[in-house]
Amino acid sequence: MTQQQPRICILGGGFGGLYTALRLSQLPFSKAEKPEIVLVDRRDRFLFVPLLYELLTGELQTWEIAPPFSELLENTGVRFCQGTVSGIDLETKRVKLHDGPEFSCDRLVLALGGETPLDMVKGAVEYAYSFRTLDHAYRLEERLRFLEAKNTDKIRIAIVGAGYSGVELACKLGDRLGDKGRVRLIEQGDTIL
């Protein structure tokens, strides 16, 4: 009787999930212990978030900061499955994907990332743009083009949060808008970064 290959399922293909999958694929497992490694993400591309800002200035294109998982995982032994997780049953060790397969796993890694909590700032849900995904960058790009096409004295932009992301975004928007823009960085704490 042959024993089934153990399966490690990694939910989330951001930095944590991708690098966990790649590192596990490099470990020196014996043939009998070598697990099947499955990486699940709702998108078909990895996003190198630290370069997302470069899209706004045209310094980089989408393909340069968001390569397909199929390319990144080629010849690694990691299997990619695109889908949105709809349920996890810890008792039966099963993961269910919305409109997709259900599969078992022996080990589970949760690397699902986070969301920008817009509801923490009054008015942000109605008036603010998040900046964490390609869709967010495309939406902001579209808005910037609209504002740049208008014949206004200054394009005024406020960025809430003066951590690394906020400062980087402010710098890139300043580069792009030049004298046409006024970028204000707002931070609740008393230090930037």
C-alpha atoms as a PDB file:
ATOM      1  CA  MET A   1       0.000   0.000   0.000  1.00  0.00           C
ATOM      2  CA  THR A   2       1.389   3.401  -0.974  1.00  0.00           C
ATOM      3  CA  GLN A   3       1.089   6.352   1.335  1.00  0.00           C
ATOM      4  CA  GLN A   4      -0.385   9.544  -0.132  1.00  0.00           C
ATOM      5  CA  GLN A   5       1.975  12.476  -0.514  1.00  0.00           C
ATOM      6  CA  PRO A   6       1.387  15.039   2.276  1.00  0.00           C
ATOM      7  CA  ARG A   7      -0.056  18.355   1.098  1.00  0.00           C
ATOM      8  CA  ILE A   8       0.806  21.817   2.382  1.00  0.00           C
ATOM      9  CA  CYS A   9      -1.726  24.418   1.357  1.00  0.00           C
ATOM     10  CA  ILE A  10      -0.714  28.086   1.490  1.00  0.00           C
ATOM     11  CA  LEU A  11      -3.591  30.540   1.312  1.00  0.00           C
ATOM     12  CA  GLY A  12      -2.480  33.928   0.023  1.00  0.00           C
ATOM     13  CA  GLY A  13       0.118  34.769  -2.595  1.00  0.00           C
ATOM     14  CA  GLY A  14       1.614  37.962  -1.214  1.00  0.00           C
ATOM     15  CA  PHE A  15       5.188  38.131   0.063  1.00  0.00           C
ATOM     16  CA  GLY A  16       4.514  35.827   3.020  1.00  0.00           C
ATOM     17  CA  GLY A  17       2.681  33.155   1.057  1.00  0.00           C
ATOM     18  CA  LEU A  18       4.910  33.160  -2.012  1.00  0.00           C
ATOM     19  CA  TYR A  19       8.170  33.055  -0.086  1.00  0.00           C
ATOM     20  CA  THR A  20       6.842  30.352   2.231  1.00  0.00           C
ATOM     21  CA  ALA A  21       5.950  28.229  -0.804  1.00  0.00           C
ATOM     22  CA  LEU A  22       9.311  28.819  -2.469  1.00  0.00           C
ATOM     23  CA  ARG A  23      11.271  28.090   0.706  1.00  0.00           C
ATOM     24  CA  LEU A  24       9.330  24.901   1.395  1.00  0.00           C
ATOM     25  CA  SER A  25       9.992  23.751  -2.168  1.00  0.00           C
ATOM     26  CA  GLN A  26      13.751  24.077  -1.535  1.00  0.00           C
ATOM     27  CA  LEU A  27      13.892  22.068   1.696  1.00  0.00           C
ATOM     28  CA  PRO A  28      15.696  18.712   1.463  1.00  0.00           C
ATOM     29  CA  PHE A  29      12.719  16.411   2.101  1.00  0.00           C
ATOM     30  CA  SER A  30      13.201  12.699   1.579  1.00  0.00           C
ATOM     31  CA  LYS A  31      11.229  11.329  -1.342  1.00  0.00           C
ATOM     32  CA  ALA A  32       8.691   9.761   1.029  1.00  0.00           C
ATOM     33  CA  GLU A  33       8.249  12.978   3.029  1.00  0.00           C
ATOM     34  CA  LYS A  34       8.299  15.476   0.137  1.00  0.00           C
ATOM     35  CA  PRO A  35       4.993  17.338   0.295  1.00  0.00           C
ATOM     36  CA  GLU A  36       2.820  18.614  -2.486  1.00  0.00           C
ATOM     37  CA  ILE A  37       2.858  22.399  -2.070  1.00  0.00           C
ATOM     38  CA  VAL A  38      -0.228  24.280  -3.243  1.00  0.00           C
ATOM     39  CA  LEU A  39      -0.349  28.080  -3.324  1.00  0.00           C
ATOM     40  CA  VAL A  40      -3.842  29.594  -3.536  1.00  0.00           C
ATOM     41  CA  ASP A  41      -4.552  33.217  -4.385  1.00  0.00           C
ATOM     42  CA  ARG A  42      -7.589  35.013  -5.774  1.00  0.00           C
ATOM     43  CA  ARG A  43      -5.451  36.815  -8.335  1.00  0.00           C
ATOM     44  CA  ASP A  44      -3.329  35.317 -11.096  1.00  0.00           C
ATOM     45  CA  ARG A  45      -0.348  37.602 -10.382  1.00  0.00           C
ATOM     46  CA  PHE A  46       2.025  38.311  -7.545  1.00  0.00           C
ATOM     47  CA  LEU A  47       2.201  42.020  -6.727  1.00  0.00           C
ATOM     48  CA  PHE A  48       5.529  43.515  -5.711  1.00  0.00           C
ATOM     49  CA  VAL A  49       3.845  46.218  -3.614  1.00  0.00           C
ATOM     50  CA  PRO A  50       6.978  48.328  -2.917  1.00  0.00           C
ATOM     51  CA  LEU A  51       7.065  49.182  -6.638  1.00  0.00           C
ATOM     52  CA  LEU A  52       3.346  49.936  -7.030  1.00  0.00           C
ATOM     53  CA  TYR A  53       4.082  53.671  -6.854  1.00  0.00           C
ATOM     54  CA  GLU A  54       6.257  53.452  -9.951  1.00  0.00           C
ATOM     55  CA  LEU A  55       3.135  52.875 -12.077  1.00  0.00           C
ATOM     56  CA  LEU A  56       1.924  56.393 -11.296  1.00  0.00           C
ATOM     57  CA  THR A  57       5.049  58.025 -12.682  1.00  0.00           C
ATOM     58  CA  GLY A  58       5.340  55.656 -15.640  1.00  0.00           C
ATOM     59  CA  GLU A  59       8.745  54.427 -14.469  1.00  0.00           C
ATOM     60  CA  LEU A  60       7.547  50.822 -14.570  1.00  0.00           C
ATOM     61  CA  GLN A  61       4.788  48.901 -16.309  1.00  0.00           C
ATOM     62  CA  THR A  62       2.380  46.370 -14.835  1.00  0.00           C
ATOM     63  CA  TRP A  63       4.276  43.319 -16.099  1.00  0.00           C
ATOM     64  CA  GLU A  64       7.400  44.511 -14.271  1.00  0.00           C
ATOM     65  CA  ILE A  65       5.791  44.664 -10.832  1.00  0.00           C
ATOM     66  CA  ALA A  66       3.117  41.993 -11.181  1.00  0.00           C
ATOM     67  CA  PRO A  67       4.458  38.827 -12.815  1.00  0.00           C
ATOM     68  CA  PRO A  68       2.062  35.885 -13.223  1.00  0.00           C
ATOM     69  CA  PHE A  69       2.313  33.175 -10.574  1.00  0.00           C
ATOM     70  CA  SER A  70       2.651  30.652 -13.407  1.00  0.00           C
ATOM     71  CA  GLU A  71       5.984  32.255 -14.376  1.00  0.00           C
ATOM     72  CA  LEU A  72       7.262  32.696 -10.818  1.00  0.00           C
ATOM     73  CA  LEU A  73       6.487  29.104  -9.846  1.00  0.00           C
ATOM     74  CA  GLU A  74       7.706  27.445 -13.032  1.00  0.00           C
ATOM     75  CA  ASN A  75      10.105  24.574 -12.240  1.00  0.00           C
ATOM     76  CA  THR A  76       9.685  24.989  -8.463  1.00  0.00           C
ATOM     77  CA  GLY A  77       7.367  22.076  -7.795  1.00  0.00           C
ATOM     78  CA  VAL A  78       4.793  24.462  -6.314  1.00  0.00           C
ATOM     79  CA  ARG A  79       1.309  24.143  -7.782  1.00  0.00           C
ATOM     80  CA  PHE A  80      -0.707  27.340  -8.167  1.00  0.00           C
ATOM     81  CA  CYS A  81      -4.473  27.368  -7.810  1.00  0.00           C
ATOM     82  CA  GLN A  82      -6.354  30.585  -8.522  1.00  0.00           C
ATOM     83  CA  GLY A  83      -9.463  31.038  -6.433  1.00  0.00           C
ATOM     84  CA  THR A  84     -11.110  32.812  -3.536  1.00  0.00           C
ATOM     85  CA  VAL A  85     -11.266  30.898  -0.275  1.00  0.00           C
ATOM     86  CA  SER A  86     -14.857  30.467   0.868  1.00  0.00           C
ATOM     87  CA  GLY A  87     -14.295  28.140   3.801  1.00  0.00           C
ATOM     88  CA  ILE A  88     -11.821  26.210   5.909  1.00  0.00           C
ATOM     89  CA  ASP A  89     -12.822  23.117   7.879  1.00  0.00           C
ATOM     90  CA  LEU A  90     -10.110  22.474  10.444  1.00  0.00           C
ATOM     91  CA  GLU A  91     -11.659  19.208  11.655  1.00  0.00           C
ATOM     92  CA  THR A  92     -11.642  17.564   8.233  1.00  0.00           C
ATOM     93  CA  LYS A  93      -8.584  19.553   7.055  1.00  0.00           C
ATOM     94  CA  ARG A  94     -10.344  20.793   3.938  1.00  0.00           C
ATOM     95  CA  VAL A  95     -10.233  24.099   2.069  1.00  0.00           C
ATOM     96  CA  LYS A  96     -13.165  25.176  -0.102  1.00  0.00           C
ATOM     97  CA  LEU A  97     -12.809  27.664  -2.932  1.00  0.00           C
ATOM     98  CA  HIS A  98     -15.711  29.785  -4.153  1.00  0.00           C
ATOM     99  CA  ASP A  99     -16.731  28.390  -7.560  1.00  0.00           C
ATOM    100  CA  GLY A 100     -13.750  26.058  -7.436  1.00  0.00           C
ATOM    101  CA  PRO A 101     -12.451  22.822  -6.046  1.00  0.00           C
ATOM    102  CA  GLU A 102     -12.437  21.646  -2.477  1.00  0.00           C
ATOM    103  CA  PHE A 103      -9.259  19.931  -1.392  1.00  0.00           C
ATOM    104  CA  SER A 104      -7.651  18.415   1.645  1.00  0.00           C
ATOM    105  CA  CYS A 105      -4.418  19.494   3.260  1.00  0.00           C
ATOM    106  CA  ASP A 106      -2.159  18.120   5.956  1.00  0.00           C
ATOM    107  CA  ARG A 107      -0.708  21.522   6.837  1.00  0.00           C
ATOM    108  CA  LEU A 108      -2.248  24.933   6.308  1.00  0.00           C
ATOM    109  CA  VAL A 109      -0.506  28.308   6.081  1.00  0.00           C
ATOM    110  CA  LEU A 110      -2.674  31.421   6.338  1.00  0.00           C
ATOM    111  CA  ALA A 111      -1.014  34.338   4.560  1.00  0.00           C
ATOM    112  CA  LEU A 112      -4.104  36.211   3.436  1.00  0.00           C
ATOM    113  CA  GLY A 113      -2.816  39.734   4.051  1.00  0.00           C
ATOM    114  CA  GLY A 114      -4.925  42.614   5.248  1.00  0.00           C
ATOM    115  CA  GLU A 115      -7.230  45.389   4.174  1.00  0.00           C
ATOM    116  CA  THR A 116      -6.940  49.137   4.608  1.00  0.00           C
ATOM    117  CA  PRO A 117      -9.368  50.062   7.424  1.00  0.00           C
ATOM    118  CA  LEU A 118     -10.988  53.071   5.739  1.00  0.00           C
ATOM    119  CA  ASP A 119     -13.808  53.119   8.268  1.00  0.00           C
ATOM    120  CA  MET A 120     -11.402  54.316  10.975  1.00  0.00           C
ATOM    121  CA  VAL A 121     -11.274  57.810   9.437  1.00  0.00           C
ATOM    122  CA  LYS A 122     -14.523  59.735   9.069  1.00  0.00           C
ATOM    123  CA  GLY A 123     -15.315  60.310   5.388  1.00  0.00           C
ATOM    124  CA  ALA A 124     -12.601  57.997   4.085  1.00  0.00           C
ATOM    125  CA  VAL A 125     -15.011  55.349   2.821  1.00  0.00           C
ATOM    126  CA  GLU A 126     -16.781  57.956   0.672  1.00  0.00           C
ATOM    127  CA  TYR A 127     -13.825  60.067  -0.444  1.00  0.00           C
ATOM    128  CA  ALA A 128     -10.535  58.192  -0.092  1.00  0.00           C
ATOM    129  CA  TYR A 129      -8.713  55.745  -2.338  1.00  0.00           C
ATOM    130  CA  SER A 130      -6.842  52.788  -0.914  1.00  0.00           C
ATOM    131  CA  PHE A 131      -3.450  52.055  -2.434  1.00  0.00           C
ATOM    132  CA  ARG A 132      -2.559  48.372  -1.998  1.00  0.00           C
ATOM    133  CA  THR A 133      -3.474  46.615  -5.241  1.00  0.00           C
ATOM    134  CA  LEU A 134      -3.151  47.009  -9.003  1.00  0.00           C
ATOM    135  CA  ASP A 135      -6.824  47.949  -9.172  1.00  0.00           C
ATOM    136  CA  HIS A 136      -6.205  50.699  -6.614  1.00  0.00           C
ATOM    137  CA  ALA A 137      -3.282  52.022  -8.669  1.00  0.00           C
ATOM    138  CA  TYR A 138      -5.334  51.949 -11.885  1.00  0.00           C
ATOM    139  CA  ARG A 139      -8.199  53.797 -10.169  1.00  0.00           C
ATOM    140  CA  LEU A 140      -5.843  56.477  -8.843  1.00  0.00           C
ATOM    141  CA  GLU A 141      -4.171  56.770 -12.259  1.00  0.00           C
ATOM    142  CA  GLU A 142      -7.564  57.310 -13.880  1.00  0.00           C
ATOM    143  CA  ARG A 143      -8.445  60.012 -11.340  1.00  0.00           C
ATOM    144  CA  LEU A 144      -5.078  61.738 -11.793  1.00  0.00           C
ATOM    145  CA  ARG A 145      -5.539  61.841 -15.570  1.00  0.00           C
ATOM    146  CA  PHE A 146      -8.984  63.366 -15.091  1.00  0.00           C
ATOM    147  CA  LEU A 147      -7.610  66.026 -12.732  1.00  0.00           C
ATOM    148  CA  GLU A 148      -4.613  66.743 -14.973  1.00  0.00           C
ATOM    149  CA  ALA A 149      -6.929  67.276 -17.965  1.00  0.00           C
ATOM    150  CA  LYS A 150      -8.945  69.902 -16.069  1.00  0.00           C
ATOM    151  CA  ASN A 151      -7.674  73.440 -16.307  1.00  0.00           C
ATOM    152  CA  THR A 152      -7.301  74.087 -12.579  1.00  0.00           C
ATOM    153  CA  ASP A 153      -4.735  76.111 -10.710  1.00  0.00           C
ATOM    154  CA  LYS A 154      -3.592  73.267  -8.413  1.00  0.00           C
ATOM    155  CA  ILE A 155      -4.393  69.609  -8.007  1.00  0.00           C
ATOM    156  CA  ARG A 156      -4.758  69.099  -4.270  1.00  0.00           C
ATOM    157  CA  ILE A 157      -4.164  65.638  -2.835  1.00  0.00           C
ATOM    158  CA  ALA A 158      -4.155  64.576   0.809  1.00  0.00           C
ATOM    159  CA  ILE A 159      -2.477  61.335   1.846  1.00  0.00           C
ATOM    160  CA  VAL A 160      -3.517  59.924   5.204  1.00  0.00           C
ATOM    161  CA  GLY A 161      -0.704  58.011   6.858  1.00  0.00           C
ATOM    162  CA  ALA A 162       2.941  59.039   6.889  1.00  0.00           C
ATOM    163  CA  GLY A 163       4.527  55.625   7.146  1.00  0.00           C
ATOM    164  CA  TYR A 164       6.746  54.275   4.380  1.00  0.00           C
ATOM    165  CA  SER A 165       3.823  53.802   1.984  1.00  0.00           C
ATOM    166  CA  GLY A 166       2.370  57.258   2.530  1.00  0.00           C
ATOM    167  CA  VAL A 167       5.725  59.004   2.194  1.00  0.00           C
ATOM    168  CA  GLU A 168       6.637  57.050  -0.950  1.00  0.00           C
ATOM    169  CA  LEU A 169       3.262  57.793  -2.520  1.00  0.00           C
ATOM    170  CA  ALA A 170       3.581  61.495  -1.639  1.00  0.00           C
ATOM    171  CA  CYS A 171       7.032  61.656  -3.246  1.00  0.00           C
ATOM    172  CA  LYS A 172       5.894  59.930  -6.442  1.00  0.00           C
ATOM    173  CA  LEU A 173       2.812  62.134  -6.728  1.00  0.00           C
ATOM    174  CA  GLY A 174       5.008  65.180  -6.150  1.00  0.00           C
ATOM    175  CA  ASP A 175       7.312  64.001  -8.944  1.00  0.00           C
ATOM    176  CA  ARG A 176       4.400  63.458 -11.289  1.00  0.00           C
ATOM    177  CA  LEU A 177       2.451  66.637 -10.583  1.00  0.00           C
ATOM    178  CA  GLY A 178       5.351  69.043 -10.112  1.00  0.00           C
ATOM    179  CA  ASP A 179       4.161  72.656  -9.813  1.00  0.00           C
ATOM    180  CA  LYS A 180       0.608  71.646 -10.813  1.00  0.00           C
ATOM    181  CA  GLY A 181       0.133  69.737  -7.581  1.00  0.00           C
ATOM    182  CA  ARG A 182      -0.075  70.271  -3.876  1.00  0.00           C
ATOM    183  CA  VAL A 183       0.397  67.084  -1.872  1.00  0.00           C
ATOM    184  CA  ARG A 184      -0.407  67.125   1.822  1.00  0.00           C
ATOM    185  CA  LEU A 185       0.739  64.270   4.076  1.00  0.00           C
ATOM    186  CA  ILE A 186      -1.407  63.724   7.186  1.00  0.00           C
ATOM    187  CA  GLU A 187      -0.234  61.614  10.136  1.00  0.00           C
ATOM    188  CA  GLN A 188      -1.973  61.065  13.466  1.00  0.00           C
ATOM    189  CA  GLY A 189       1.313  60.437  15.278  1.00  0.00           C
ATOM    190  CA  ASP A 190       4.054  62.951  15.893  1.00  0.00           C
ATOM    191  CA  THR A 191       6.659  61.320  13.635  1.00  0.00           C
ATOM    192  CA  ILE A 192       6.909  60.528   9.954  1.00  0.00           C
ATOM    193  CA  LEU A 193       7.915  57.002   8.955  1.00  0.00           C
END
